[in-house]
Amino acid sequence: MKIIKDKKRIDEILERGVIAEILPDKKQLRNKLLSGERLSFYLGADPTAPALHLGHAQNLMLLEDLRKLGHKVIFLIGDFTGMIGDPTDKSATRQKLSSEKVKENFSDWKNQIKNILNFDDKENPVEIRFNSEWLGKLSFAEILELASNFTVQQMLERDMFEKRIKNQKPVYLHEFLYPLMQGYDSVVLDVDAELCGTDQIFNALAGRTLMQKLKKKEKFIIATNLIADEKTGELMSKSNGTGVFLNLSPNDLFGAIMAQSDGMIKPLLIGCTRISLKEIKEILQLKNPRDAKIRLAKEIVKIFHGKELAQKAEQYFIATFSKKQLPSQIDLFSINETQIKLIDFLVKAHLAQSKSEARRKIEQGGVKINQKKVTQFDFILTQKNNQKDVIQVGKKNFKKIFFGKN
């Protein structure tokens, strides 16, 4: 396998602004990349939701950059750790997921990221692994042996545990085991480096400790910036209503990016596109931030859906929202029933991620039926002489409902 040692290309990857911190030392990693040695990198994600989002995409694109240099890269699906639940930044215990729910959640992941990770390269494809392969086989004696490498005091250093104890909220024993399990992933995969968000550094350090003790080997940690509004510091997240998911249609993806605050333009241009930093600087100097955001939205849609659909999504957005008219083409969503609760329809038609989100959108006045606002969360849609009602959520998302098979 030919390893690319081009200084300019390596520095572009390390200096783009996606990476927040490299442990133990950025200079050491740069020297390793310049040495010509083939390194092994991995990035893990727990399937706690059926869709990945742009935060995942940022790190996956960095993983692909490293693969293109000739290095081995692994996308690890935490199908076992997903059942435990990572306590990171959680003031309460995560709800544990069943094995069936975890499998359901990651079933479409490969399809969502096939345009940013190359699984089909003949010489150096991205490798997919599942940590149930080894974590599900550990005996209790082996778990005890792994646990002996850490102290309770080390685990209590996690900020969220300290906050919970201070607020007299419970910390469960299985949550202590999460960093241990994630750390063991590094040992089994025998990697040289782990990619993670800054919120995962504690877990990645657990892996570094185990690599040192069990493999007598150093592991680099490449921690990336979380995507956040550079003006307010607010993170892009599902719970904040600002998550942009990778399973959205071209029109919906374009609209979701246009709905982001102006403070998200630069972080998304840097993290979720491969536009050069020089061109990004020029885009950010455009007089109207809306023009920069359109450029951003078009580029991201192009990455996931292709150039032609990106152009159509731009035209759809301009015709619909700049001219304040209903789009000429609205997707039809069929319901093989005679009636359905509005809250259920929003979830089924992918206009909301969950019933709680659907209810919040309705009660906050963000849902219209035939251009009339509906604020009753228990509103029922019914069949009306085959009339196709237009359901609108926010400014961007439209669906026509049809009762019966279409």
Protein backbone atom coordinates (compact mmCIF):
# COMPACT_ATOMS: atom_id res chain seq x y z
CA MET A 1 0.00 0.00 0.00
CA LYS A 2 1.46 3.34 -1.09
CA ILE A 3 1.49 5.87 1.75
CA ILE A 4 1.24 9.53 0.73
CA LYS A 5 3.74 11.67 2.66
CA ASP A 6 2.99 15.03 1.03
CA LYS A 7 3.67 17.73 3.67
CA LYS A 8 1.21 20.22 2.22
CA ARG A 9 -1.62 17.68 2.13
CA ILE A 10 -0.91 16.41 5.66
CA ASP A 11 -0.75 19.96 7.03
CA GLU A 12 -4.05 20.81 5.31
CA ILE A 13 -5.68 17.93 7.19
CA LEU A 14 -4.12 18.85 10.55
CA GLU A 15 -4.62 22.62 10.22
CA ARG A 16 -8.10 22.82 8.66
CA GLY A 17 -9.71 23.73 11.98
CA VAL A 18 -11.70 20.56 12.53
CA ILE A 19 -9.18 19.16 15.02
CA ALA A 20 -9.30 20.66 18.53
CA GLU A 21 -6.57 18.64 20.23
CA ILE A 22 -4.13 15.81 19.54
CA LEU A 23 -2.78 13.71 22.41
CA PRO A 24 -0.06 13.17 23.41
CA ASP A 25 1.36 15.63 20.90
CA LYS A 26 0.42 17.04 17.49
CA LYS A 27 4.04 17.20 16.35
CA GLN A 28 4.51 13.48 17.05
CA LEU A 29 1.48 12.57 14.94
CA ARG A 30 2.64 14.81 12.09
CA ASN A 31 6.04 13.13 12.14
CA LYS A 32 4.36 9.70 12.07
CA LEU A 33 2.28 10.72 9.05
CA LEU A 34 5.39 12.01 7.30
CA SER A 35 7.39 8.85 8.07
CA GLY A 36 5.64 6.66 5.52
CA GLU A 37 4.55 4.16 8.16
CA ARG A 38 1.04 2.81 7.58
CA LEU A 39 -1.10 3.72 10.58
CA SER A 40 -4.47 2.44 11.75
CA PHE A 41 -7.21 4.93 12.67
CA TYR A 42 -10.68 4.30 14.01
CA LEU A 43 -13.84 6.23 14.72
CA GLY A 44 -16.74 4.78 16.67
CA ALA A 45 -20.42 5.69 16.94
CA ASP A 46 -23.21 4.17 19.02
CA PRO A 47 -26.49 3.54 17.17
CA THR A 48 -28.73 5.52 19.55
CA ALA A 49 -30.76 6.94 16.63
CA PRO A 50 -31.64 5.73 13.11
CA ALA A 51 -29.94 8.69 11.43
CA LEU A 52 -26.43 10.06 11.60
CA HIS A 53 -26.03 13.85 11.54
CA LEU A 54 -23.58 16.44 10.26
CA GLY A 55 -21.52 16.15 13.44
CA HIS A 56 -20.82 12.53 12.53
CA ALA A 57 -20.22 13.54 8.91
CA GLN A 58 -17.47 15.96 9.93
CA ASN A 59 -15.48 13.21 11.66
CA LEU A 60 -16.17 10.65 8.95
CA MET A 61 -14.85 13.06 6.33
CA LEU A 62 -11.66 13.44 8.38
CA LEU A 63 -11.41 9.64 8.54
CA GLU A 64 -11.72 9.52 4.74
CA ASP A 65 -8.96 12.14 4.37
CA LEU A 66 -6.65 9.82 6.33
CA ARG A 67 -7.71 6.81 4.27
CA LYS A 68 -6.82 8.68 1.08
CA LEU A 69 -3.28 9.05 2.43
CA GLY A 70 -3.12 5.23 2.35
CA HIS A 71 -3.73 4.51 6.03
CA LYS A 72 -6.04 1.82 7.38
CA VAL A 73 -9.32 3.25 8.70
CA ILE A 74 -12.10 1.56 10.66
CA PHE A 75 -15.63 2.76 11.26
CA LEU A 76 -16.69 1.01 14.46
CA ILE A 77 -20.39 0.63 15.16
CA GLY A 78 -20.94 0.40 18.90
CA ASP A 79 -23.80 -2.08 18.78
CA PHE A 80 -22.80 -3.37 22.25
CA THR A 81 -21.87 -0.06 23.90
CA GLY A 82 -25.05 1.41 22.44
CA MET A 83 -27.02 -0.89 24.72
CA ILE A 84 -25.11 0.39 27.77
CA GLY A 85 -25.48 4.08 26.93
CA ASP A 86 -22.69 6.63 27.07
CA PRO A 87 -23.24 8.99 30.03
CA THR A 88 -21.32 11.82 28.36
CA ASP A 89 -22.84 15.24 29.17
CA LYS A 90 -25.97 13.61 30.58
CA SER A 91 -27.48 14.89 33.82
CA ALA A 92 -29.55 11.71 34.02
CA THR A 93 -28.94 8.07 33.14
CA ARG A 94 -29.46 7.22 29.47
CA GLN A 95 -32.26 4.83 28.66
CA LYS A 96 -30.72 1.47 27.77
CA LEU A 97 -31.56 0.15 24.31
CA SER A 98 -32.46 -3.38 23.32
CA SER A 99 -30.33 -5.32 20.86
CA GLU A 100 -33.21 -5.20 18.36
CA LYS A 101 -33.52 -1.40 18.64
CA VAL A 102 -29.78 -0.95 18.17
CA LYS A 103 -29.84 -3.10 15.00
CA GLU A 104 -32.82 -1.16 13.69
CA ASN A 105 -31.06 2.14 14.29
CA PHE A 106 -27.86 1.33 12.35
CA SER A 107 -29.55 -0.56 9.50
CA ASP A 108 -29.41 2.45 7.13
CA TRP A 109 -26.14 4.01 8.28
CA LYS A 110 -23.95 2.69 5.47
CA ASN A 111 -26.37 4.05 2.89
CA GLN A 112 -26.31 7.47 4.58
CA ILE A 113 -22.51 7.78 4.49
CA LYS A 114 -21.62 5.94 1.28
CA ASN A 115 -20.80 9.25 -0.44
CA ILE A 116 -18.27 10.36 2.18
CA LEU A 117 -16.56 7.05 3.02
CA ASN A 118 -15.19 4.78 0.31
CA PHE A 119 -16.22 1.22 1.18
CA ASP A 120 -15.48 -0.05 -2.33
CA ASP A 121 -11.86 0.97 -2.90
CA LYS A 122 -10.12 -2.17 -4.17
CA GLU A 123 -6.79 -1.52 -2.44
CA ASN A 124 -7.81 0.24 0.77
CA PRO A 125 -11.55 0.13 1.58
CA VAL A 126 -13.01 1.48 4.80
CA GLU A 127 -13.48 -1.39 7.23
CA ILE A 128 -16.68 -1.69 9.28
CA ARG A 129 -16.54 -3.47 12.64
CA PHE A 130 -19.08 -4.08 15.42
CA ASN A 131 -17.92 -4.12 19.03
CA SER A 132 -20.39 -6.84 19.98
CA GLU A 133 -17.88 -9.15 18.28
CA TRP A 134 -15.65 -8.98 21.37
CA LEU A 135 -17.56 -7.19 24.14
CA GLY A 136 -20.40 -9.69 23.97
CA LYS A 137 -17.94 -12.54 24.56
CA LEU A 138 -16.10 -11.19 27.61
CA SER A 139 -16.42 -13.34 30.70
CA PHE A 140 -17.05 -11.78 34.11
CA ALA A 141 -13.50 -12.69 35.10
CA GLU A 142 -12.14 -10.82 32.05
CA ILE A 143 -14.25 -7.76 32.85
CA LEU A 144 -12.90 -7.75 36.40
CA GLU A 145 -9.36 -7.95 35.03
CA LEU A 146 -9.98 -4.96 32.75
CA ALA A 147 -11.61 -3.00 35.57
CA SER A 148 -8.54 -3.52 37.74
CA ASN A 149 -6.68 -1.05 35.51
CA PHE A 150 -8.77 1.88 36.78
CA THR A 151 -9.74 3.41 40.11
CA VAL A 152 -13.11 4.73 41.22
CA GLN A 153 -11.45 8.12 41.69
CA GLN A 154 -10.45 8.13 38.01
CA MET A 155 -14.01 7.46 36.90
CA LEU A 156 -15.40 10.14 39.23
CA GLU A 157 -13.28 12.72 37.44
CA ARG A 158 -15.86 12.80 34.66
CA ASP A 159 -17.65 16.14 34.84
CA MET A 160 -21.15 14.72 34.51
CA PHE A 161 -20.58 12.30 37.40
CA GLU A 162 -19.31 15.11 39.62
CA LYS A 163 -22.35 17.22 38.76
CA ARG A 164 -24.78 14.39 39.43
CA ILE A 165 -23.23 13.61 42.81
CA LYS A 166 -23.29 17.30 43.70
CA ASN A 167 -26.98 17.47 42.73
CA GLN A 168 -27.69 14.22 44.61
CA LYS A 169 -28.60 12.38 41.42
CA PRO A 170 -27.72 8.69 40.95
CA VAL A 171 -24.69 7.37 39.11
CA TYR A 172 -25.18 3.73 38.14
CA LEU A 173 -22.43 1.12 38.11
CA HIS A 174 -22.99 0.20 34.45
CA GLU A 175 -22.18 3.82 33.52
CA PHE A 176 -18.73 3.39 35.05
CA LEU A 177 -18.23 0.45 32.72
CA TYR A 178 -18.86 2.43 29.54
CA PRO A 179 -15.35 4.02 29.30
CA LEU A 180 -13.89 0.60 30.09
CA MET A 181 -15.77 -1.01 27.20
CA GLN A 182 -14.94 1.77 24.74
CA GLY A 183 -11.32 1.64 25.87
CA TYR A 184 -11.18 -2.09 25.19
CA ASP A 185 -12.25 -1.42 21.58
CA SER A 186 -8.84 0.18 20.99
CA VAL A 187 -7.06 -2.88 22.37
CA VAL A 188 -8.94 -5.38 20.19
CA LEU A 189 -8.60 -3.25 17.05
CA ASP A 190 -4.92 -2.60 17.92
CA VAL A 191 -5.11 0.92 16.47
CA ASP A 192 -2.53 3.68 16.35
CA ALA A 193 -5.07 6.48 16.73
CA GLU A 194 -8.69 7.15 17.66
CA LEU A 195 -10.83 9.95 16.27
CA CYS A 196 -13.47 11.38 18.58
CA GLY A 197 -15.31 14.56 19.51
CA THR A 198 -14.04 16.63 22.42
CA ASP A 199 -16.92 15.18 24.48
CA GLN A 200 -15.36 11.73 24.13
CA ILE A 201 -11.81 12.48 25.29
CA PHE A 202 -12.35 10.78 28.68
CA ASN A 203 -13.44 7.55 26.98
CA ALA A 204 -10.58 7.74 24.48
CA LEU A 205 -8.09 8.21 27.31
CA ALA A 206 -9.40 5.01 28.92
CA GLY A 207 -8.45 3.27 25.67
CA ARG A 208 -5.03 4.89 25.74
CA THR A 209 -4.49 3.61 29.28
CA LEU A 210 -5.45 0.06 28.31
CA MET A 211 -3.23 0.18 25.19
CA GLN A 212 -0.26 1.20 27.34
CA LYS A 213 -0.90 -1.46 29.99
CA LEU A 214 -2.00 -4.38 27.82
CA LYS A 215 -0.20 -3.73 24.52
CA LYS A 216 2.76 -1.62 25.68
CA LYS A 217 1.79 0.71 22.86
CA GLU A 218 0.99 4.42 22.60
CA LYS A 219 -2.29 5.52 21.01
CA PHE A 220 -2.90 8.96 19.55
CA ILE A 221 -6.18 10.69 20.33
CA ILE A 222 -7.45 13.08 17.67
CA ALA A 223 -10.25 15.11 19.27
CA THR A 224 -12.40 17.17 16.92
CA ASN A 225 -14.39 20.31 17.62
CA LEU A 226 -18.11 19.81 18.11
CA ILE A 227 -20.15 21.77 15.58
CA ALA A 228 -21.32 24.86 17.43
CA ASP A 229 -22.58 28.35 16.67
CA GLU A 230 -19.42 30.49 16.74
CA LYS A 231 -21.44 33.44 18.08
CA THR A 232 -23.49 31.81 20.83
CA GLY A 233 -21.62 28.56 21.46
CA GLU A 234 -24.85 26.56 21.07
CA LEU A 235 -24.14 23.04 19.87
CA MET A 236 -25.84 21.52 16.86
CA SER A 237 -28.03 18.83 18.39
CA LYS A 238 -31.28 16.97 18.03
CA SER A 239 -32.48 18.07 21.48
CA ASN A 240 -31.88 21.74 20.60
CA GLY A 241 -33.91 21.33 17.42
CA THR A 242 -30.82 22.19 15.34
CA GLY A 243 -29.70 18.73 14.28
CA VAL A 244 -29.23 18.16 10.54
CA PHE A 245 -29.63 14.47 9.76
CA LEU A 246 -28.10 12.60 6.85
CA ASN A 247 -31.25 10.69 5.87
CA LEU A 248 -33.06 13.86 4.77
CA SER A 249 -34.18 14.28 1.17
CA PRO A 250 -32.23 16.82 -0.94
CA ASN A 251 -34.89 19.51 -0.47
CA ASP A 252 -35.21 18.89 3.26
CA LEU A 253 -31.43 18.81 3.74
CA PHE A 254 -31.03 22.08 1.87
CA GLY A 255 -33.80 23.66 3.94
CA ALA A 256 -32.43 22.36 7.24
CA ILE A 257 -29.06 23.98 6.53
CA MET A 258 -30.71 27.25 5.50
CA ALA A 259 -32.56 27.18 8.85
CA GLN A 260 -29.27 27.18 10.77
CA SER A 261 -28.12 30.40 12.43
CA ASP A 262 -25.53 32.57 10.71
CA GLY A 263 -23.05 31.51 13.40
CA MET A 264 -23.13 27.98 12.00
CA ILE A 265 -21.98 28.94 8.49
CA LYS A 266 -18.22 28.90 9.14
CA PRO A 267 -18.14 25.72 11.31
CA LEU A 268 -20.17 23.81 8.71
CA LEU A 269 -18.11 25.10 5.77
CA ILE A 270 -14.90 24.00 7.49
CA GLY A 271 -16.13 20.70 8.96
CA CYS A 272 -18.66 19.38 6.47
CA THR A 273 -17.30 20.46 3.08
CA ARG A 274 -13.94 20.18 1.40
CA ILE A 275 -14.03 23.69 -0.05
CA SER A 276 -10.53 25.17 0.34
CA LEU A 277 -9.90 27.46 3.31
CA LYS A 278 -9.05 30.25 0.86
CA GLU A 279 -12.43 29.93 -0.85
CA ILE A 280 -14.22 29.65 2.51
CA LYS A 281 -12.69 32.99 3.49
CA GLU A 282 -14.09 34.53 0.29
CA ILE A 283 -17.54 33.02 0.92
CA LEU A 284 -17.62 34.41 4.46
CA GLN A 285 -16.90 37.89 3.10
CA LEU A 286 -20.09 37.92 1.01
CA LYS A 287 -22.22 40.92 1.94
CA ASN A 288 -25.38 38.92 2.62
CA PRO A 289 -24.95 35.88 4.97
CA ARG A 290 -27.88 34.26 3.16
CA ASP A 291 -25.75 33.99 0.00
CA ALA A 292 -23.01 32.23 1.99
CA LYS A 293 -25.57 29.89 3.48
CA ILE A 294 -26.96 29.00 0.05
CA ARG A 295 -23.44 28.18 -1.11
CA LEU A 296 -22.98 26.00 1.99
CA ALA A 297 -26.32 24.22 1.60
CA LYS A 298 -25.72 23.50 -2.08
CA GLU A 299 -22.25 22.08 -1.37
CA ILE A 300 -23.45 19.75 1.39
CA VAL A 301 -26.43 18.51 -0.63
CA LYS A 302 -24.05 17.89 -3.55
CA ILE A 303 -21.84 15.71 -1.32
CA PHE A 304 -24.72 13.49 -0.20
CA HIS A 305 -27.05 13.57 -3.22
CA GLY A 306 -25.05 14.71 -6.25
CA LYS A 307 -24.72 17.93 -8.25
CA GLU A 308 -27.99 17.68 -10.18
CA LEU A 309 -30.21 17.20 -7.11
CA ALA A 310 -28.30 19.95 -5.29
CA GLN A 311 -29.15 22.39 -8.08
CA LYS A 312 -32.81 21.35 -7.99
CA ALA A 313 -32.88 21.74 -4.20
CA GLU A 314 -31.52 25.27 -4.54
CA GLN A 315 -34.18 26.13 -7.14
CA TYR A 316 -36.89 24.61 -4.92
CA PHE A 317 -35.75 26.65 -1.94
CA ILE A 318 -35.61 29.94 -3.83
CA ALA A 319 -38.98 29.41 -5.52
CA THR A 320 -40.67 28.34 -2.29
CA PHE A 321 -39.21 30.56 0.38
CA SER A 322 -37.83 33.63 -1.35
CA LYS A 323 -41.03 34.09 -3.36
CA LYS A 324 -43.21 32.85 -0.47
CA GLN A 325 -45.26 30.44 -2.55
CA LEU A 326 -46.09 26.78 -2.19
CA PRO A 327 -43.64 24.59 -4.08
CA SER A 328 -44.83 23.37 -7.46
CA GLN A 329 -43.95 19.79 -6.50
CA ILE A 330 -44.73 18.39 -3.06
CA ASP A 331 -43.99 14.80 -2.09
CA LEU A 332 -47.09 12.66 -1.60
CA PHE A 333 -47.27 10.51 1.52
CA SER A 334 -49.88 7.75 1.50
CA ILE A 335 -51.71 6.51 4.60
CA ASN A 336 -53.61 3.26 4.20
CA GLU A 337 -56.22 4.35 6.77
CA THR A 338 -59.20 6.71 6.90
CA GLN A 339 -57.75 8.93 9.61
CA ILE A 340 -54.56 9.53 11.57
CA LYS A 341 -53.45 11.74 14.41
CA LEU A 342 -51.42 14.71 13.15
CA ILE A 343 -48.69 13.94 15.67
CA ASP A 344 -48.37 10.37 14.29
CA PHE A 345 -48.37 11.59 10.69
CA LEU A 346 -45.49 14.00 11.32
CA VAL A 347 -43.35 11.15 12.62
CA LYS A 348 -44.33 8.69 9.86
CA ALA A 349 -43.70 11.29 7.14
CA HIS A 350 -40.29 12.17 8.67
CA LEU A 351 -41.41 15.72 9.44
CA ALA A 352 -40.44 15.12 13.07
CA GLN A 353 -37.98 12.70 14.65
CA SER A 354 -40.26 11.70 17.53
CA LYS A 355 -43.75 12.24 18.94
CA SER A 356 -42.40 14.62 21.58
CA GLU A 357 -40.71 16.71 18.87
CA ALA A 358 -43.90 16.62 16.76
CA ARG A 359 -45.98 17.80 19.72
CA ARG A 360 -43.52 20.62 20.40
CA LYS A 361 -43.65 21.78 16.77
CA ILE A 362 -47.45 21.79 16.82
CA GLU A 363 -47.82 23.60 20.13
CA GLN A 364 -45.23 26.21 19.12
CA GLY A 365 -47.21 27.07 15.99
CA GLY A 366 -44.79 25.54 13.51
CA VAL A 367 -47.33 23.30 11.72
CA LYS A 368 -49.84 24.35 9.06
CA ILE A 369 -52.51 22.42 7.18
CA ASN A 370 -53.42 23.99 3.83
CA GLN A 371 -51.58 27.15 5.00
CA LYS A 372 -53.62 27.41 8.22
CA LYS A 373 -51.80 27.08 11.54
CA VAL A 374 -52.79 24.15 13.77
CA THR A 375 -51.83 24.23 17.47
CA GLN A 376 -53.87 21.27 18.81
CA PHE A 377 -51.45 18.40 19.37
CA ASP A 378 -54.35 15.90 19.30
CA PHE A 379 -55.64 17.13 15.91
CA ILE A 380 -56.85 14.28 13.67
CA LEU A 381 -56.40 14.22 9.89
CA THR A 382 -59.30 12.58 8.09
CA GLN A 383 -60.16 11.51 4.55
CA LYS A 384 -62.05 14.20 2.60
CA ASN A 385 -63.22 13.10 -0.84
CA ASN A 386 -59.66 12.25 -1.88
CA GLN A 387 -58.53 15.82 -1.21
CA LYS A 388 -54.79 15.90 -0.66
CA ASP A 389 -54.13 18.18 2.31
CA VAL A 390 -50.77 19.98 2.35
CA ILE A 391 -48.97 19.64 5.66
CA GLN A 392 -46.26 22.24 6.29
CA VAL A 393 -43.72 22.10 9.13
CA GLY A 394 -41.69 25.25 9.61
CA LYS A 395 -40.83 27.22 6.50
CA LYS A 396 -39.21 24.42 4.57
CA ASN A 397 -40.93 21.05 4.88
CA PHE A 398 -44.05 20.06 2.97
CA LYS A 399 -45.95 16.82 2.46
CA LYS A 400 -49.28 16.02 0.83
CA ILE A 401 -51.28 13.39 2.66
CA PHE A 402 -53.26 10.85 0.66
CA PHE A 403 -55.59 8.38 2.33
CA GLY A 404 -55.41 5.02 0.60
CA LYS A 405 -52.90 3.32 -1.69
CA ASN A 406 -51.42 5.66 -4.24
